[in-house]
Each structure stands twice: as C-alpha cells, then as structure tokens.
Amino acid sequence: MVQQNQTKKVWMLIALLLVLALLLTSCLPGTLKTTGKKPAGFFLGIWHGWIAPISLIVGFFNPKVRIYEVFNTGWLYDFGFYIAIISGFGGLSLARNKARGDRYR
C-alpha cells in the first residue's frame, strides 16, 4: 500500500514537471506570433524577463528562440523585461545575503 502511494507521488511529480516545462517553453521569445501589427507589450516583457535563463538554454538548441522579443512595443516592453530581470535575480541575491547574515550573528 505504501509502495503504491510512493509510485503515485512520483508519477504526479513527473506529470507536474512536464506541464510546468510546457508552460514555460510555450511563450519563449521568438516562438510567438508577434508582428509589427501586434507587438509584445509590458506583460510579455515581464514574462520574458522571468524566463530569460530558460530562453538562454533553449536558444542553444533552437536558433528561433531568443532571450528578447524583437517585435515589441519599445520602452514598455523593455521596462517590463528589466523589472523582471532585476527583481528575479536581484531578489534571489538579497534573500541569500539576508539568510547568510542571519547565520553569522
């Protein structure tokens, strides 16, 4: 009985990881149908900033995938992209420094 529960948990985790991978890679820059008539805006800039590390890795294997969407609205897209980059990576750095400082007190 315990073995069946463990097996179910493993399969559920695998399914969750697959769904998460599909969600993250479905909106990578360069794979969307953005054009000059419908460019990527502020919210896609935020999304592309959050998934920039994934875009970089996938871009090594798929030349269509970019870190940054070429067809964008300009400074609004840039603003969203940089907010996500700074908050995502900078936020992790601040959390690590805070945790490290607490350990040495």
N, C-alpha and C. Protein backbone atom coordinates (compact mmCIF):
# COMPACT_ATOMS: atom_id res chain seq x y z
N MET A 1 0.84 -1.20 0.00
CA MET A 1 0.00 0.00 0.00
C MET A 1 0.88 1.26 0.00
N VAL A 2 1.92 1.26 0.83
CA VAL A 2 2.81 2.41 0.90
C VAL A 2 3.57 2.56 -0.40
N GLN A 3 3.97 1.44 -1.00
CA GLN A 3 4.69 1.48 -2.27
C GLN A 3 3.83 2.09 -3.37
N GLN A 4 2.53 1.79 -3.38
CA GLN A 4 1.63 2.35 -4.39
C GLN A 4 1.51 3.87 -4.23
N ASN A 5 1.45 4.34 -2.99
CA ASN A 5 1.37 5.78 -2.75
C ASN A 5 2.64 6.48 -3.21
N GLN A 6 3.79 5.87 -2.95
CA GLN A 6 5.06 6.44 -3.39
C GLN A 6 5.12 6.51 -4.91
N THR A 7 4.67 5.45 -5.58
CA THR A 7 4.67 5.42 -7.04
C THR A 7 3.74 6.48 -7.60
N LYS A 8 2.58 6.65 -7.00
CA LYS A 8 1.64 7.69 -7.44
C LYS A 8 2.25 9.07 -7.28
N LYS A 9 2.93 9.30 -6.17
CA LYS A 9 3.55 10.60 -5.94
C LYS A 9 4.64 10.88 -6.97
N VAL A 10 5.41 9.88 -7.30
CA VAL A 10 6.48 10.05 -8.29
C VAL A 10 5.88 10.40 -9.66
N TRP A 11 4.84 9.67 -10.06
CA TRP A 11 4.21 9.94 -11.35
C TRP A 11 3.53 11.30 -11.38
N MET A 12 2.94 11.70 -10.28
CA MET A 12 2.32 13.03 -10.20
C MET A 12 3.38 14.12 -10.31
N LEU A 13 4.53 13.92 -9.67
CA LEU A 13 5.62 14.88 -9.76
C LEU A 13 6.16 14.97 -11.19
N ILE A 14 6.30 13.85 -11.84
CA ILE A 14 6.77 13.85 -13.24
C ILE A 14 5.77 14.57 -14.13
N ALA A 15 4.48 14.31 -13.95
CA ALA A 15 3.45 14.98 -14.75
C ALA A 15 3.45 16.49 -14.49
N LEU A 16 3.60 16.88 -13.24
CA LEU A 16 3.64 18.30 -12.89
C LEU A 16 4.85 18.98 -13.53
N LEU A 17 6.00 18.33 -13.49
CA LEU A 17 7.20 18.90 -14.11
C LEU A 17 7.05 19.03 -15.62
N LEU A 18 6.42 18.06 -16.26
CA LEU A 18 6.19 18.14 -17.70
C LEU A 18 5.25 19.29 -18.05
N VAL A 19 4.19 19.44 -17.30
CA VAL A 19 3.25 20.55 -17.53
C VAL A 19 3.95 21.88 -17.30
N LEU A 20 4.73 21.97 -16.27
CA LEU A 20 5.47 23.20 -15.98
C LEU A 20 6.46 23.53 -17.10
N ALA A 21 7.15 22.52 -17.59
CA ALA A 21 8.10 22.73 -18.70
C ALA A 21 7.38 23.20 -19.96
N LEU A 22 6.22 22.62 -20.24
CA LEU A 22 5.44 23.06 -21.41
C LEU A 22 4.96 24.49 -21.25
N LEU A 23 4.51 24.83 -20.07
CA LEU A 23 4.05 26.20 -19.83
C LEU A 23 5.18 27.21 -19.98
N LEU A 24 6.34 26.88 -19.44
CA LEU A 24 7.47 27.81 -19.51
C LEU A 24 8.00 27.98 -20.93
N THR A 25 7.99 26.91 -21.70
CA THR A 25 8.57 26.99 -23.03
C THR A 25 7.56 27.37 -24.11
N SER A 26 6.30 27.44 -23.79
CA SER A 26 5.30 27.75 -24.81
C SER A 26 5.30 29.22 -25.20
N CYS A 27 5.84 30.08 -24.40
CA CYS A 27 5.82 31.52 -24.68
C CYS A 27 7.22 32.11 -24.75
N LEU A 28 8.17 31.36 -25.24
CA LEU A 28 9.53 31.86 -25.33
C LEU A 28 9.62 32.94 -26.42
N PRO A 29 10.47 33.93 -26.22
CA PRO A 29 10.65 34.96 -27.24
C PRO A 29 11.14 34.35 -28.55
N GLY A 30 10.55 34.78 -29.65
CA GLY A 30 10.91 34.27 -30.96
C GLY A 30 10.00 33.15 -31.43
N THR A 31 9.22 32.57 -30.52
CA THR A 31 8.31 31.49 -30.91
C THR A 31 6.87 31.98 -30.99
N LEU A 32 6.62 33.19 -30.53
CA LEU A 32 5.25 33.72 -30.53
C LEU A 32 4.91 34.30 -31.90
N LYS A 33 3.65 34.54 -32.12
CA LYS A 33 3.18 35.12 -33.37
C LYS A 33 3.11 36.64 -33.25
N THR A 34 4.12 37.25 -32.70
CA THR A 34 4.15 38.71 -32.60
C THR A 34 4.63 39.29 -33.92
N THR A 35 3.98 40.35 -34.33
CA THR A 35 4.34 41.03 -35.57
C THR A 35 4.37 42.52 -35.32
N GLY A 36 4.61 43.27 -36.36
CA GLY A 36 4.58 44.72 -36.24
C GLY A 36 3.19 45.23 -35.90
N LYS A 37 2.15 44.49 -36.30
CA LYS A 37 0.77 44.91 -36.01
C LYS A 37 0.36 44.56 -34.58
N LYS A 38 0.91 43.49 -34.04
CA LYS A 38 0.59 43.06 -32.66
C LYS A 38 1.89 42.74 -31.93
N PRO A 39 2.63 43.76 -31.48
CA PRO A 39 3.91 43.51 -30.83
C PRO A 39 3.76 43.08 -29.37
N ALA A 40 4.83 42.54 -28.82
CA ALA A 40 4.85 42.14 -27.41
C ALA A 40 4.85 43.40 -26.55
N GLY A 41 4.07 43.38 -25.48
CA GLY A 41 3.94 44.55 -24.62
C GLY A 41 4.59 44.37 -23.25
N PHE A 42 4.11 45.15 -22.32
CA PHE A 42 4.66 45.21 -20.97
C PHE A 42 4.64 43.86 -20.27
N PHE A 43 3.49 43.18 -20.29
CA PHE A 43 3.34 41.93 -19.55
C PHE A 43 4.16 40.80 -20.18
N LEU A 44 4.26 40.78 -21.50
CA LEU A 44 5.15 39.79 -22.11
C LEU A 44 6.60 40.11 -21.81
N GLY A 45 6.92 41.39 -21.65
CA GLY A 45 8.27 41.77 -21.23
C GLY A 45 8.59 41.21 -19.85
N ILE A 46 7.63 41.30 -18.94
CA ILE A 46 7.83 40.73 -17.60
C ILE A 46 8.02 39.22 -17.70
N TRP A 47 7.16 38.57 -18.48
CA TRP A 47 7.25 37.12 -18.61
C TRP A 47 8.59 36.71 -19.22
N HIS A 48 9.00 37.40 -20.27
CA HIS A 48 10.27 37.06 -20.92
C HIS A 48 11.46 37.33 -20.01
N GLY A 49 11.36 38.31 -19.14
CA GLY A 49 12.42 38.54 -18.17
C GLY A 49 12.52 37.43 -17.14
N TRP A 50 11.37 36.93 -16.70
CA TRP A 50 11.36 35.85 -15.72
C TRP A 50 11.92 34.55 -16.29
N ILE A 51 11.62 34.29 -17.56
CA ILE A 51 12.07 33.02 -18.14
C ILE A 51 13.34 33.19 -18.98
N ALA A 52 14.05 34.28 -18.81
CA ALA A 52 15.27 34.54 -19.59
C ALA A 52 16.31 33.42 -19.44
N PRO A 53 16.56 32.88 -18.25
CA PRO A 53 17.55 31.78 -18.17
C PRO A 53 17.12 30.55 -18.96
N ILE A 54 15.83 30.25 -18.95
CA ILE A 54 15.33 29.11 -19.71
C ILE A 54 15.46 29.40 -21.21
N SER A 55 15.16 30.64 -21.60
CA SER A 55 15.28 31.03 -23.01
C SER A 55 16.72 30.91 -23.48
N LEU A 56 17.65 31.25 -22.63
CA LEU A 56 19.06 31.15 -22.99
C LEU A 56 19.46 29.70 -23.25
N ILE A 57 19.05 28.81 -22.38
CA ILE A 57 19.39 27.39 -22.52
C ILE A 57 18.72 26.80 -23.77
N VAL A 58 17.43 27.08 -23.96
CA VAL A 58 16.72 26.56 -25.13
C VAL A 58 17.29 27.16 -26.41
N GLY A 59 17.74 28.41 -26.35
CA GLY A 59 18.30 29.09 -27.52
C GLY A 59 19.56 28.43 -28.04
N PHE A 60 20.28 27.71 -27.20
CA PHE A 60 21.45 26.97 -27.68
C PHE A 60 21.06 25.86 -28.65
N PHE A 61 19.88 25.28 -28.46
CA PHE A 61 19.44 24.15 -29.26
C PHE A 61 18.45 24.53 -30.36
N ASN A 62 17.77 25.67 -30.21
CA ASN A 62 16.78 26.12 -31.19
C ASN A 62 17.11 27.56 -31.58
N PRO A 63 17.60 27.79 -32.78
CA PRO A 63 18.02 29.15 -33.16
C PRO A 63 16.87 30.15 -33.28
N LYS A 64 15.62 29.69 -33.30
CA LYS A 64 14.48 30.62 -33.37
C LYS A 64 14.21 31.28 -32.02
N VAL A 65 14.61 30.64 -30.95
CA VAL A 65 14.34 31.15 -29.60
C VAL A 65 15.38 32.20 -29.24
N ARG A 66 14.90 33.32 -28.77
CA ARG A 66 15.75 34.42 -28.34
C ARG A 66 15.48 34.71 -26.87
N ILE A 67 16.34 35.50 -26.26
CA ILE A 67 16.10 35.94 -24.89
C ILE A 67 15.12 37.11 -24.89
N TYR A 68 15.14 37.87 -25.96
CA TYR A 68 14.43 39.14 -26.05
C TYR A 68 13.56 39.11 -27.30
N GLU A 69 12.30 39.51 -27.19
CA GLU A 69 11.39 39.54 -28.35
C GLU A 69 11.71 40.75 -29.23
N VAL A 70 11.96 40.50 -30.51
CA VAL A 70 12.33 41.56 -31.44
C VAL A 70 11.15 42.48 -31.72
N PHE A 71 9.97 41.91 -31.94
CA PHE A 71 8.78 42.71 -32.21
C PHE A 71 8.12 43.09 -30.89
N ASN A 72 8.46 44.28 -30.38
CA ASN A 72 7.92 44.72 -29.09
C ASN A 72 7.45 46.17 -29.17
N THR A 73 6.83 46.64 -28.09
CA THR A 73 6.26 47.99 -28.08
C THR A 73 7.28 49.07 -27.75
N GLY A 74 8.49 48.71 -27.51
CA GLY A 74 9.52 49.71 -27.22
C GLY A 74 9.82 49.76 -25.73
N TRP A 75 9.78 50.96 -25.18
CA TRP A 75 10.22 51.12 -23.79
C TRP A 75 9.30 50.41 -22.80
N LEU A 76 8.02 50.22 -23.11
CA LEU A 76 7.15 49.47 -22.19
C LEU A 76 7.61 48.02 -22.06
N TYR A 77 7.91 47.39 -23.19
CA TYR A 77 8.41 46.02 -23.14
C TYR A 77 9.75 45.99 -22.40
N ASP A 78 10.63 46.91 -22.74
CA ASP A 78 11.94 46.98 -22.07
C ASP A 78 11.79 47.14 -20.57
N PHE A 79 10.87 48.02 -20.16
CA PHE A 79 10.65 48.27 -18.74
C PHE A 79 10.19 47.00 -18.03
N GLY A 80 9.23 46.28 -18.60
CA GLY A 80 8.77 45.03 -18.02
C GLY A 80 9.86 43.98 -17.97
N PHE A 81 10.65 43.91 -19.05
CA PHE A 81 11.74 42.94 -19.11
C PHE A 81 12.77 43.21 -18.02
N TYR A 82 13.19 44.45 -17.89
CA TYR A 82 14.22 44.78 -16.90
C TYR A 82 13.69 44.68 -15.46
N ILE A 83 12.43 45.01 -15.25
CA ILE A 83 11.85 44.82 -13.91
C ILE A 83 11.93 43.34 -13.52
N ALA A 84 11.56 42.47 -14.44
CA ALA A 84 11.59 41.03 -14.13
C ALA A 84 13.02 40.53 -13.93
N ILE A 85 13.94 40.97 -14.76
CA ILE A 85 15.34 40.55 -14.60
C ILE A 85 15.88 41.00 -13.25
N ILE A 86 15.67 42.25 -12.92
CA ILE A 86 16.21 42.80 -11.68
C ILE A 86 15.53 42.18 -10.46
N SER A 87 14.22 42.07 -10.49
CA SER A 87 13.52 41.54 -9.33
C SER A 87 13.76 40.04 -9.17
N GLY A 88 13.86 39.33 -10.28
CA GLY A 88 14.07 37.89 -10.19
C GLY A 88 15.45 37.54 -9.69
N PHE A 89 16.47 38.08 -10.33
CA PHE A 89 17.83 37.72 -9.95
C PHE A 89 18.31 38.55 -8.77
N GLY A 90 17.96 39.80 -8.72
CA GLY A 90 18.35 40.64 -7.59
C GLY A 90 17.65 40.22 -6.31
N GLY A 91 16.39 39.82 -6.43
CA GLY A 91 15.64 39.36 -5.26
C GLY A 91 16.25 38.11 -4.66
N LEU A 92 16.71 37.20 -5.51
CA LEU A 92 17.37 36.00 -5.01
C LEU A 92 18.66 36.34 -4.29
N SER A 93 19.38 37.30 -4.83
CA SER A 93 20.64 37.70 -4.21
C SER A 93 20.39 38.32 -2.84
N LEU A 94 19.37 39.17 -2.75
CA LEU A 94 19.06 39.79 -1.46
C LEU A 94 18.62 38.75 -0.44
N ALA A 95 17.86 37.77 -0.88
CA ALA A 95 17.41 36.72 0.05
C ALA A 95 18.58 35.90 0.55
N ARG A 96 19.53 35.61 -0.33
CA ARG A 96 20.70 34.84 0.10
C ARG A 96 21.55 35.64 1.07
N ASN A 97 21.74 36.93 0.79
CA ASN A 97 22.55 37.76 1.68
C ASN A 97 21.90 37.89 3.04
N LYS A 98 20.57 38.02 3.07
CA LYS A 98 19.87 38.13 4.34
C LYS A 98 20.00 36.83 5.13
N ALA A 99 19.84 35.70 4.45
CA ALA A 99 19.96 34.41 5.14
C ALA A 99 21.39 34.19 5.62
N ARG A 100 22.35 34.58 4.83
CA ARG A 100 23.75 34.40 5.21
C ARG A 100 24.09 35.28 6.41
N GLY A 101 23.56 36.49 6.43
CA GLY A 101 23.82 37.40 7.54
C GLY A 101 23.21 36.89 8.83
N ASP A 102 22.06 36.24 8.73
CA ASP A 102 21.41 35.69 9.93
C ASP A 102 22.20 34.53 10.52
N ARG A 103 22.90 33.78 9.68
CA ARG A 103 23.66 32.64 10.17
C ARG A 103 24.86 33.05 10.99
N TYR A 104 25.46 34.19 10.65
CA TYR A 104 26.70 34.57 11.29
C TYR A 104 26.50 35.50 12.50
N ARG A 105 25.30 35.73 12.87
CA ARG A 105 25.05 36.59 14.03
C ARG A 105 25.06 35.84 15.31
